[in-house]
Amino acid sequence: HPWTWHEAADVRIFHPQPDARPEGDLVWIGNWGDGERSGEIEEFLLEPVRRLGLQARVYGVRYPAEGLRALEQAGIGYGGWLPNFRAPQVFARYRATIHIPRRPYRESIPGIPTIRMFEALACGIPLVSLPWEDLDELFEAERDYLVAQTADEMVDQLRRILADQAFAAELAEHGRRTILERHTCAH
């Protein structure tokens, strides 16, 4: 198993195992929803996967027939519903993930990323996010995670992570350290 538990000060922490071999390049855990981010899914997930020829997989619910067809046409595997407690195991099997915040979150409650961003960083997987307004300075963009404002930038950021293992490891470790220092349940 690519993760081990470490217990200290009544806190259970996952530790990634460096010798674990990834199953694929990119994983996204997110729901298709009601169309409020289908444009973003096309631009920031489907298009970059096609352009880079990535081995990718998606987990989530509320994927309509056209969403499933779009995944298939992009060559992305669909894993369906994923229990929250399995997210660390899934993240451990891939080399990168992305964060696609829903438009209502970005517009109505700016400054709050989804829980998946915290989970991904805690699991030590390199992350590329669409822009969001970090009003509370929760993270340090470009040190904890990378930002992509366009499909071209997403392609470039994913290529950078996948091509440079040392850079990817440094990015993942910085993000993980930020979680452990500032965002655990104890905080």
N, C-alpha and C. Protein backbone atom coordinates (compact mmCIF):
# COMPACT_ATOMS: atom_id res chain seq x y z
N HIS A 1 0.85 -1.18 0.00
CA HIS A 1 0.00 0.00 0.00
C HIS A 1 0.88 1.23 0.00
N PRO A 2 0.55 2.26 -0.81
CA PRO A 2 1.43 3.40 -0.95
C PRO A 2 1.39 4.40 0.20
N TRP A 3 0.59 4.16 1.24
CA TRP A 3 0.50 5.09 2.37
C TRP A 3 0.66 4.33 3.67
N THR A 4 1.23 4.99 4.66
CA THR A 4 1.28 4.43 6.01
C THR A 4 0.74 5.47 6.97
N TRP A 5 0.27 5.01 8.10
CA TRP A 5 -0.23 5.90 9.13
C TRP A 5 0.89 6.23 10.10
N HIS A 6 0.88 7.43 10.62
CA HIS A 6 1.78 7.85 11.69
C HIS A 6 0.91 8.51 12.74
N GLU A 7 1.03 8.07 13.97
CA GLU A 7 0.22 8.68 15.03
C GLU A 7 1.14 9.44 15.97
N ALA A 8 0.80 10.71 16.17
CA ALA A 8 1.57 11.55 17.07
C ALA A 8 0.64 12.62 17.63
N ALA A 9 0.71 12.83 18.91
CA ALA A 9 -0.09 13.88 19.56
C ALA A 9 -1.57 13.76 19.20
N ASP A 10 -2.06 12.54 19.21
CA ASP A 10 -3.46 12.27 18.91
C ASP A 10 -3.89 12.69 17.51
N VAL A 11 -2.96 12.80 16.60
CA VAL A 11 -3.27 13.15 15.22
C VAL A 11 -2.78 12.02 14.32
N ARG A 12 -3.68 11.52 13.48
CA ARG A 12 -3.29 10.48 12.53
C ARG A 12 -2.95 11.15 11.21
N ILE A 13 -1.78 10.88 10.70
CA ILE A 13 -1.30 11.54 9.49
C ILE A 13 -0.88 10.48 8.47
N PHE A 14 -1.35 10.63 7.23
CA PHE A 14 -0.90 9.77 6.14
C PHE A 14 0.49 10.21 5.72
N HIS A 15 1.34 9.26 5.43
CA HIS A 15 2.66 9.54 4.86
C HIS A 15 2.79 8.80 3.55
N PRO A 16 3.02 9.53 2.46
CA PRO A 16 3.19 8.86 1.17
C PRO A 16 4.47 8.03 1.18
N GLN A 17 4.44 6.91 0.50
CA GLN A 17 5.60 6.05 0.38
C GLN A 17 6.29 6.36 -0.95
N PRO A 18 7.54 6.79 -0.93
CA PRO A 18 8.20 7.25 -2.15
C PRO A 18 8.38 6.17 -3.22
N ASP A 19 8.34 4.90 -2.85
CA ASP A 19 8.56 3.86 -3.85
C ASP A 19 7.27 3.41 -4.52
N ALA A 20 6.14 4.01 -4.16
CA ALA A 20 4.87 3.64 -4.78
C ALA A 20 4.87 4.07 -6.24
N ARG A 21 4.48 3.16 -7.11
CA ARG A 21 4.44 3.46 -8.54
C ARG A 21 3.06 3.99 -8.91
N PRO A 22 3.01 5.12 -9.59
CA PRO A 22 1.70 5.66 -9.98
C PRO A 22 1.03 4.81 -11.06
N GLU A 23 -0.30 4.80 -11.03
CA GLU A 23 -1.08 4.10 -12.05
C GLU A 23 -1.34 5.00 -13.24
N GLY A 24 -1.27 6.30 -13.04
CA GLY A 24 -1.58 7.22 -14.12
C GLY A 24 -1.00 8.59 -13.86
N ASP A 25 -1.24 9.47 -14.83
CA ASP A 25 -0.68 10.81 -14.77
C ASP A 25 -1.55 11.78 -13.96
N LEU A 26 -2.87 11.74 -14.19
CA LEU A 26 -3.74 12.76 -13.64
C LEU A 26 -5.03 12.14 -13.11
N VAL A 27 -5.44 12.60 -11.94
CA VAL A 27 -6.74 12.21 -11.39
C VAL A 27 -7.48 13.47 -10.98
N TRP A 28 -8.79 13.44 -11.20
CA TRP A 28 -9.64 14.52 -10.71
C TRP A 28 -10.80 13.90 -9.97
N ILE A 29 -11.00 14.34 -8.74
CA ILE A 29 -12.14 13.90 -7.94
C ILE A 29 -13.09 15.08 -7.88
N GLY A 30 -14.18 14.95 -8.61
CA GLY A 30 -15.14 16.05 -8.66
C GLY A 30 -16.40 15.64 -9.39
N ASN A 31 -17.49 16.24 -9.02
CA ASN A 31 -18.77 15.95 -9.63
C ASN A 31 -19.00 16.81 -10.86
N TRP A 32 -19.68 16.25 -11.84
CA TRP A 32 -20.04 17.02 -13.04
C TRP A 32 -20.99 18.13 -12.65
N GLY A 33 -21.97 17.79 -11.82
CA GLY A 33 -22.91 18.78 -11.31
C GLY A 33 -24.02 19.08 -12.29
N ASP A 34 -24.51 20.28 -12.20
CA ASP A 34 -25.67 20.68 -12.99
C ASP A 34 -25.29 21.61 -14.12
N GLY A 35 -24.13 21.44 -14.67
CA GLY A 35 -23.70 22.26 -15.80
C GLY A 35 -23.00 23.55 -15.41
N GLU A 36 -22.88 23.82 -14.10
CA GLU A 36 -22.29 25.10 -13.69
C GLU A 36 -20.78 25.14 -13.92
N ARG A 37 -20.16 24.01 -14.22
CA ARG A 37 -18.73 24.07 -14.54
C ARG A 37 -18.36 23.18 -15.71
N SER A 38 -19.34 22.82 -16.55
CA SER A 38 -19.04 21.95 -17.69
C SER A 38 -18.05 22.62 -18.65
N GLY A 39 -18.14 23.94 -18.81
CA GLY A 39 -17.18 24.64 -19.65
C GLY A 39 -15.77 24.54 -19.09
N GLU A 40 -15.65 24.69 -17.79
CA GLU A 40 -14.34 24.58 -17.14
C GLU A 40 -13.79 23.16 -17.22
N ILE A 41 -14.67 22.17 -17.09
CA ILE A 41 -14.22 20.78 -17.20
C ILE A 41 -13.67 20.53 -18.60
N GLU A 42 -14.36 21.03 -19.61
CA GLU A 42 -13.90 20.87 -20.99
C GLU A 42 -12.53 21.55 -21.18
N GLU A 43 -12.44 22.80 -20.75
CA GLU A 43 -11.23 23.58 -21.00
C GLU A 43 -10.04 23.15 -20.17
N PHE A 44 -10.27 22.84 -18.88
CA PHE A 44 -9.14 22.63 -17.98
C PHE A 44 -8.86 21.16 -17.66
N LEU A 45 -9.74 20.26 -18.04
CA LEU A 45 -9.51 18.83 -17.82
C LEU A 45 -9.44 18.09 -19.15
N LEU A 46 -10.53 18.10 -19.90
CA LEU A 46 -10.60 17.30 -21.12
C LEU A 46 -9.56 17.73 -22.16
N GLU A 47 -9.52 19.04 -22.43
CA GLU A 47 -8.58 19.51 -23.46
C GLU A 47 -7.12 19.25 -23.09
N PRO A 48 -6.67 19.58 -21.88
CA PRO A 48 -5.27 19.28 -21.53
C PRO A 48 -4.94 17.78 -21.58
N VAL A 49 -5.87 16.93 -21.15
CA VAL A 49 -5.62 15.49 -21.20
C VAL A 49 -5.45 15.05 -22.65
N ARG A 50 -6.31 15.54 -23.54
CA ARG A 50 -6.18 15.19 -24.97
C ARG A 50 -4.86 15.70 -25.54
N ARG A 51 -4.55 16.96 -25.27
CA ARG A 51 -3.35 17.56 -25.86
C ARG A 51 -2.07 16.89 -25.39
N LEU A 52 -2.04 16.50 -24.12
CA LEU A 52 -0.82 15.89 -23.57
C LEU A 52 -0.82 14.37 -23.68
N GLY A 53 -1.95 13.78 -24.05
CA GLY A 53 -2.04 12.32 -24.13
C GLY A 53 -1.87 11.67 -22.77
N LEU A 54 -2.47 12.27 -21.75
CA LEU A 54 -2.28 11.78 -20.39
C LEU A 54 -3.14 10.55 -20.10
N GLN A 55 -2.63 9.74 -19.20
CA GLN A 55 -3.41 8.64 -18.65
C GLN A 55 -4.14 9.23 -17.45
N ALA A 56 -5.46 9.40 -17.58
CA ALA A 56 -6.22 10.13 -16.57
C ALA A 56 -7.47 9.36 -16.15
N ARG A 57 -7.94 9.69 -14.95
CA ARG A 57 -9.15 9.08 -14.41
C ARG A 57 -9.91 10.12 -13.60
N VAL A 58 -11.23 10.02 -13.62
CA VAL A 58 -12.12 10.93 -12.91
C VAL A 58 -13.01 10.11 -11.99
N TYR A 59 -13.22 10.65 -10.80
CA TYR A 59 -14.17 10.08 -9.85
C TYR A 59 -15.18 11.15 -9.49
N GLY A 60 -16.44 10.75 -9.37
CA GLY A 60 -17.47 11.69 -8.97
C GLY A 60 -18.84 11.20 -9.40
N VAL A 61 -19.84 12.02 -9.14
CA VAL A 61 -21.22 11.66 -9.46
C VAL A 61 -21.86 12.75 -10.30
N ARG A 62 -23.10 12.50 -10.68
CA ARG A 62 -23.90 13.42 -11.49
C ARG A 62 -23.25 13.70 -12.84
N TYR A 63 -22.72 12.65 -13.47
CA TYR A 63 -22.18 12.75 -14.81
C TYR A 63 -23.28 12.32 -15.79
N PRO A 64 -23.83 13.27 -16.55
CA PRO A 64 -24.86 12.91 -17.52
C PRO A 64 -24.23 12.12 -18.68
N ALA A 65 -25.08 11.58 -19.53
CA ALA A 65 -24.59 10.79 -20.67
C ALA A 65 -23.59 11.57 -21.50
N GLU A 66 -23.87 12.86 -21.74
CA GLU A 66 -22.93 13.66 -22.56
C GLU A 66 -21.60 13.87 -21.83
N GLY A 67 -21.63 13.95 -20.50
CA GLY A 67 -20.40 14.07 -19.73
C GLY A 67 -19.57 12.80 -19.80
N LEU A 68 -20.22 11.66 -19.69
CA LEU A 68 -19.51 10.38 -19.81
C LEU A 68 -18.93 10.20 -21.21
N ARG A 69 -19.68 10.62 -22.24
CA ARG A 69 -19.16 10.55 -23.61
C ARG A 69 -17.95 11.46 -23.77
N ALA A 70 -18.02 12.65 -23.17
CA ALA A 70 -16.89 13.59 -23.27
C ALA A 70 -15.64 13.00 -22.61
N LEU A 71 -15.80 12.36 -21.45
CA LEU A 71 -14.66 11.70 -20.80
C LEU A 71 -14.09 10.63 -21.70
N GLU A 72 -14.97 9.79 -22.24
CA GLU A 72 -14.52 8.69 -23.11
C GLU A 72 -13.79 9.22 -24.34
N GLN A 73 -14.32 10.26 -24.97
CA GLN A 73 -13.69 10.83 -26.16
C GLN A 73 -12.33 11.43 -25.85
N ALA A 74 -12.14 11.90 -24.61
CA ALA A 74 -10.84 12.46 -24.20
C ALA A 74 -9.89 11.36 -23.73
N GLY A 75 -10.38 10.12 -23.65
CA GLY A 75 -9.53 9.02 -23.19
C GLY A 75 -9.39 8.97 -21.68
N ILE A 76 -10.37 9.52 -20.97
CA ILE A 76 -10.32 9.56 -19.52
C ILE A 76 -11.19 8.46 -18.95
N GLY A 77 -10.64 7.67 -18.04
CA GLY A 77 -11.41 6.64 -17.37
C GLY A 77 -12.34 7.25 -16.34
N TYR A 78 -13.48 6.60 -16.13
CA TYR A 78 -14.46 7.09 -15.16
C TYR A 78 -14.60 6.07 -14.05
N GLY A 79 -14.32 6.50 -12.82
CA GLY A 79 -14.36 5.60 -11.67
C GLY A 79 -15.64 5.67 -10.86
N GLY A 80 -16.55 6.59 -11.20
CA GLY A 80 -17.81 6.70 -10.47
C GLY A 80 -17.64 7.30 -9.09
N TRP A 81 -18.61 7.00 -8.24
CA TRP A 81 -18.63 7.52 -6.88
C TRP A 81 -17.41 7.02 -6.11
N LEU A 82 -16.83 7.90 -5.31
CA LEU A 82 -15.68 7.54 -4.48
C LEU A 82 -15.97 7.96 -3.04
N PRO A 83 -15.96 7.01 -2.10
CA PRO A 83 -16.15 7.41 -0.70
C PRO A 83 -15.01 8.34 -0.27
N ASN A 84 -15.31 9.36 0.51
CA ASN A 84 -14.30 10.34 0.92
C ASN A 84 -13.07 9.70 1.54
N PHE A 85 -13.26 8.64 2.33
CA PHE A 85 -12.11 8.05 3.01
C PHE A 85 -11.16 7.35 2.04
N ARG A 86 -11.57 7.14 0.80
CA ARG A 86 -10.71 6.51 -0.22
C ARG A 86 -9.89 7.54 -1.02
N ALA A 87 -10.18 8.82 -0.86
CA ALA A 87 -9.47 9.84 -1.63
C ALA A 87 -7.95 9.75 -1.48
N PRO A 88 -7.40 9.58 -0.26
CA PRO A 88 -5.93 9.48 -0.16
C PRO A 88 -5.35 8.31 -0.96
N GLN A 89 -6.03 7.19 -0.96
CA GLN A 89 -5.55 6.03 -1.72
C GLN A 89 -5.56 6.32 -3.22
N VAL A 90 -6.57 7.02 -3.68
CA VAL A 90 -6.64 7.37 -5.10
C VAL A 90 -5.57 8.39 -5.45
N PHE A 91 -5.45 9.45 -4.66
CA PHE A 91 -4.41 10.45 -4.93
C PHE A 91 -3.02 9.82 -4.98
N ALA A 92 -2.79 8.82 -4.14
CA ALA A 92 -1.47 8.17 -4.07
C ALA A 92 -1.13 7.43 -5.36
N ARG A 93 -2.11 7.13 -6.18
CA ARG A 93 -1.86 6.35 -7.39
C ARG A 93 -1.65 7.20 -8.64
N TYR A 94 -1.64 8.52 -8.48
CA TYR A 94 -1.50 9.41 -9.64
C TYR A 94 -0.41 10.45 -9.38
N ARG A 95 0.08 11.03 -10.46
CA ARG A 95 1.20 11.95 -10.38
C ARG A 95 0.79 13.41 -10.20
N ALA A 96 -0.47 13.73 -10.49
CA ALA A 96 -0.94 15.12 -10.36
C ALA A 96 -2.46 15.13 -10.27
N THR A 97 -2.98 16.24 -9.76
CA THR A 97 -4.42 16.46 -9.73
C THR A 97 -4.70 17.92 -10.03
N ILE A 98 -5.97 18.23 -10.26
CA ILE A 98 -6.36 19.60 -10.53
C ILE A 98 -7.52 20.00 -9.62
N HIS A 99 -7.70 21.30 -9.47
CA HIS A 99 -8.81 21.85 -8.68
C HIS A 99 -9.63 22.74 -9.61
N ILE A 100 -10.90 22.36 -9.79
CA ILE A 100 -11.81 23.13 -10.62
C ILE A 100 -12.96 23.61 -9.72
N PRO A 101 -12.81 24.78 -9.11
CA PRO A 101 -13.89 25.26 -8.24
C PRO A 101 -15.13 25.59 -9.07
N ARG A 102 -16.28 25.33 -8.49
CA ARG A 102 -17.54 25.65 -9.17
C ARG A 102 -17.70 27.16 -9.27
N ARG A 103 -18.28 27.59 -10.37
CA ARG A 103 -18.49 29.01 -10.61
C ARG A 103 -19.26 29.67 -9.46
N PRO A 104 -20.34 29.05 -8.93
CA PRO A 104 -21.03 29.70 -7.81
C PRO A 104 -20.13 29.93 -6.59
N TYR A 105 -19.21 29.00 -6.34
CA TYR A 105 -18.28 29.19 -5.22
C TYR A 105 -17.37 30.39 -5.50
N ARG A 106 -16.85 30.46 -6.72
CA ARG A 106 -15.94 31.56 -7.06
C ARG A 106 -16.63 32.91 -7.00
N GLU A 107 -17.93 32.94 -7.40
CA GLU A 107 -18.64 34.21 -7.48
C GLU A 107 -19.35 34.59 -6.18
N SER A 108 -19.98 33.62 -5.51
CA SER A 108 -20.79 33.91 -4.33
C SER A 108 -20.00 33.91 -3.03
N ILE A 109 -19.07 32.99 -2.91
CA ILE A 109 -18.26 32.90 -1.69
C ILE A 109 -16.78 32.83 -2.06
N PRO A 110 -16.26 33.92 -2.61
CA PRO A 110 -14.85 33.92 -3.01
C PRO A 110 -13.94 33.71 -1.80
N GLY A 111 -12.80 33.15 -2.07
CA GLY A 111 -11.83 32.96 -1.00
C GLY A 111 -11.91 31.61 -0.33
N ILE A 112 -12.86 30.77 -0.74
CA ILE A 112 -13.01 29.47 -0.10
C ILE A 112 -12.86 28.38 -1.13
N PRO A 113 -11.76 27.65 -1.11
CA PRO A 113 -11.62 26.52 -2.04
C PRO A 113 -12.44 25.34 -1.52
N THR A 114 -12.61 24.35 -2.36
CA THR A 114 -13.32 23.16 -1.91
C THR A 114 -12.42 22.33 -1.01
N ILE A 115 -13.03 21.42 -0.29
CA ILE A 115 -12.28 20.53 0.60
C ILE A 115 -11.28 19.68 -0.17
N ARG A 116 -11.58 19.39 -1.44
CA ARG A 116 -10.66 18.56 -2.24
C ARG A 116 -9.28 19.18 -2.34
N MET A 117 -9.21 20.48 -2.36
CA MET A 117 -7.89 21.13 -2.44
C MET A 117 -7.09 20.84 -1.18
N PHE A 118 -7.74 20.95 -0.02
CA PHE A 118 -7.07 20.64 1.23
C PHE A 118 -6.65 19.17 1.27
N GLU A 119 -7.56 18.29 0.83
CA GLU A 119 -7.26 16.85 0.84
C GLU A 119 -6.09 16.52 -0.07
N ALA A 120 -6.10 17.09 -1.27
CA ALA A 120 -5.02 16.80 -2.21
C ALA A 120 -3.67 17.26 -1.66
N LEU A 121 -3.62 18.47 -1.14
CA LEU A 121 -2.36 18.97 -0.58
C LEU A 121 -1.93 18.14 0.62
N ALA A 122 -2.87 17.75 1.45
CA ALA A 122 -2.54 16.92 2.61
C ALA A 122 -1.98 15.57 2.18
N CYS A 123 -2.41 15.09 1.04
CA CYS A 123 -1.96 13.79 0.54
C CYS A 123 -0.64 13.86 -0.21
N GLY A 124 -0.12 15.05 -0.40
CA GLY A 124 1.19 15.17 -1.04
C GLY A 124 1.18 14.91 -2.53
N ILE A 125 0.11 15.32 -3.22
CA ILE A 125 0.06 15.19 -4.68
C ILE A 125 0.18 16.59 -5.28
N PRO A 126 1.00 16.76 -6.31
CA PRO A 126 1.09 18.07 -6.96
C PRO A 126 -0.26 18.49 -7.52
N LEU A 127 -0.60 19.76 -7.35
CA LEU A 127 -1.92 20.27 -7.68
C LEU A 127 -1.81 21.50 -8.57
N VAL A 128 -2.67 21.55 -9.60
CA VAL A 128 -2.83 22.75 -10.42
C VAL A 128 -4.27 23.20 -10.26
N SER A 129 -4.47 24.47 -9.93
CA SER A 129 -5.80 24.99 -9.67
C SER A 129 -6.17 26.08 -10.65
N LEU A 130 -7.46 26.16 -10.94
CA LEU A 130 -7.98 27.33 -11.60
C LEU A 130 -7.87 28.47 -10.60
N PRO A 131 -7.85 29.70 -11.07
CA PRO A 131 -7.72 30.83 -10.14
C PRO A 131 -8.91 30.92 -9.18
N TRP A 132 -8.60 31.28 -7.97
CA TRP A 132 -9.61 31.59 -6.96
C TRP A 132 -8.98 32.62 -6.04
N GLU A 133 -9.80 33.42 -5.42
CA GLU A 133 -9.31 34.52 -4.60
C GLU A 133 -9.04 34.03 -3.18
N ASP A 134 -7.79 33.92 -2.83
CA ASP A 134 -7.39 33.42 -1.51
C ASP A 134 -7.35 34.60 -0.53
N LEU A 135 -8.53 35.02 -0.10
CA LEU A 135 -8.66 36.20 0.76
C LEU A 135 -7.98 36.03 2.11
N ASP A 136 -7.96 34.82 2.63
CA ASP A 136 -7.40 34.57 3.96
C ASP A 136 -5.95 34.09 3.93
N GLU A 137 -5.36 34.11 2.75
CA GLU A 137 -3.97 33.67 2.58
C GLU A 137 -3.77 32.28 3.18
N LEU A 138 -4.65 31.37 2.77
CA LEU A 138 -4.58 29.98 3.24
C LEU A 138 -3.35 29.27 2.70
N PHE A 139 -3.01 29.58 1.45
CA PHE A 139 -1.92 28.90 0.76
C PHE A 139 -1.03 29.92 0.05
N GLU A 140 0.05 29.42 -0.47
CA GLU A 140 0.98 30.25 -1.23
C GLU A 140 1.01 29.72 -2.66
N ALA A 141 0.31 30.42 -3.55
CA ALA A 141 0.29 30.01 -4.96
C ALA A 141 1.71 29.95 -5.50
N GLU A 142 1.94 28.99 -6.35
CA GLU A 142 3.23 28.71 -7.00
C GLU A 142 4.24 28.06 -6.06
N ARG A 143 3.90 27.92 -4.78
CA ARG A 143 4.75 27.16 -3.86
C ARG A 143 4.01 25.95 -3.32
N ASP A 144 2.71 26.13 -2.98
CA ASP A 144 1.88 25.01 -2.51
C ASP A 144 1.18 24.33 -3.67
N TYR A 145 0.83 25.10 -4.66
CA TYR A 145 0.12 24.60 -5.84
C TYR A 145 0.40 25.56 -6.99
N LEU A 146 0.13 25.11 -8.21
CA LEU A 146 0.29 25.96 -9.38
C LEU A 146 -1.07 26.47 -9.82
N VAL A 147 -1.08 27.55 -10.59
CA VAL A 147 -2.31 28.16 -11.07
C VAL A 147 -2.32 28.14 -12.59
N ALA A 148 -3.49 27.86 -13.15
CA ALA A 148 -3.68 27.89 -14.60
C ALA A 148 -4.93 28.72 -14.90
N GLN A 149 -4.75 29.79 -15.67
CA GLN A 149 -5.89 30.65 -16.01
C GLN A 149 -6.49 30.31 -17.36
N THR A 150 -5.77 29.54 -18.16
CA THR A 150 -6.24 29.13 -19.48
C THR A 150 -5.90 27.66 -19.69
N ALA A 151 -6.49 27.08 -20.72
CA ALA A 151 -6.16 25.69 -21.06
C ALA A 151 -4.67 25.56 -21.40
N ASP A 152 -4.13 26.55 -22.11
CA ASP A 152 -2.70 26.51 -22.45
C ASP A 152 -1.85 26.50 -21.19
N GLU A 153 -2.22 27.32 -20.21
CA GLU A 153 -1.47 27.34 -18.96
C GLU A 153 -1.62 26.02 -18.21
N MET A 154 -2.80 25.41 -18.26
CA MET A 154 -2.99 24.11 -17.61
C MET A 154 -2.09 23.07 -18.27
N VAL A 155 -2.02 23.08 -19.58
CA VAL A 155 -1.13 22.16 -20.29
C VAL A 155 0.31 22.38 -19.86
N ASP A 156 0.74 23.64 -19.83
CA ASP A 156 2.12 23.96 -19.44
C ASP A 156 2.41 23.53 -17.99
N GLN A 157 1.49 23.80 -17.08
CA GLN A 157 1.72 23.46 -15.67
C GLN A 157 1.75 21.95 -15.47
N LEU A 158 0.84 21.23 -16.11
CA LEU A 158 0.86 19.77 -15.99
C LEU A 158 2.12 19.19 -16.61
N ARG A 159 2.52 19.72 -17.77
CA ARG A 159 3.75 19.25 -18.41
C ARG A 159 4.94 19.47 -17.49
N ARG A 160 4.97 20.62 -16.83
CA ARG A 160 6.06 20.95 -15.91
C ARG A 160 6.13 19.95 -14.75
N ILE A 161 4.99 19.64 -14.16
CA ILE A 161 4.95 18.68 -13.05
C ILE A 161 5.37 17.29 -13.51
N LEU A 162 4.84 16.86 -14.64
CA LEU A 162 5.09 15.49 -15.11
C LEU A 162 6.50 15.29 -15.65
N ALA A 163 7.11 16.38 -16.12
CA ALA A 163 8.45 16.27 -16.70
C ALA A 163 9.57 16.40 -15.67
N ASP A 164 9.29 16.99 -14.53
CA ASP A 164 10.33 17.29 -13.56
C ASP A 164 9.95 16.71 -12.19
N GLN A 165 10.42 15.51 -11.92
CA GLN A 165 10.05 14.83 -10.68
C GLN A 165 10.52 15.58 -9.44
N ALA A 166 11.70 16.19 -9.51
CA ALA A 166 12.21 16.94 -8.36
C ALA A 166 11.32 18.15 -8.08
N PHE A 167 10.94 18.86 -9.12
CA PHE A 167 10.04 20.00 -8.95
C PHE A 167 8.70 19.55 -8.40
N ALA A 168 8.14 18.47 -8.95
CA ALA A 168 6.85 17.95 -8.50
C ALA A 168 6.91 17.57 -7.02
N ALA A 169 7.99 16.92 -6.62
CA ALA A 169 8.15 16.51 -5.22
C ALA A 169 8.26 17.72 -4.31
N GLU A 170 8.98 18.74 -4.74
CA GLU A 170 9.13 19.96 -3.93
C GLU A 170 7.80 20.68 -3.78
N LEU A 171 7.04 20.79 -4.87
CA LEU A 171 5.73 21.42 -4.83
C LEU A 171 4.80 20.66 -3.89
N ALA A 172 4.76 19.34 -4.05
CA ALA A 172 3.88 18.51 -3.21
C ALA A 172 4.27 18.61 -1.74
N GLU A 173 5.55 18.60 -1.46
CA GLU A 173 6.01 18.67 -0.07
C GLU A 173 5.68 20.02 0.55
N HIS A 174 5.84 21.10 -0.20
CA HIS A 174 5.52 22.42 0.33
C HIS A 174 4.03 22.52 0.65
N GLY A 175 3.19 22.04 -0.25
CA GLY A 175 1.76 22.06 -0.01
C GLY A 175 1.37 21.22 1.19
N ARG A 176 1.97 20.06 1.31
CA ARG A 176 1.70 19.17 2.44
C ARG A 176 2.14 19.82 3.76
N ARG A 177 3.30 20.44 3.73
CA ARG A 177 3.82 21.09 4.93
C ARG A 177 2.89 22.24 5.36
N THR A 178 2.37 22.98 4.39
CA THR A 178 1.42 24.06 4.71
C THR A 178 0.18 23.50 5.40
N ILE A 179 -0.33 22.38 4.91
CA ILE A 179 -1.49 21.76 5.54
C ILE A 179 -1.15 21.37 6.98
N LEU A 180 -0.03 20.69 7.16
CA LEU A 180 0.32 20.22 8.49
C LEU A 180 0.60 21.35 9.47
N GLU A 181 1.14 22.46 8.98
CA GLU A 181 1.47 23.59 9.84
C GLU A 181 0.30 24.52 10.13
N ARG A 182 -0.73 24.50 9.23
CA ARG A 182 -1.78 25.52 9.37
C ARG A 182 -3.22 25.04 9.27
N HIS A 183 -3.44 23.82 8.75
CA HIS A 183 -4.81 23.46 8.38
C HIS A 183 -5.26 22.07 8.84
N THR A 184 -4.71 21.56 9.90
CA THR A 184 -5.19 20.28 10.40
C THR A 184 -6.41 20.51 11.30
N CYS A 185 -7.08 19.47 11.68
CA CYS A 185 -8.23 19.60 12.56
C CYS A 185 -7.83 20.25 13.89
N ALA A 186 -6.61 20.03 14.32
CA ALA A 186 -6.13 20.63 15.57
C ALA A 186 -6.10 22.16 15.47
N HIS A 187 -5.93 22.69 14.29
CA HIS A 187 -5.91 24.15 14.12
C HIS A 187 -7.31 24.72 14.17
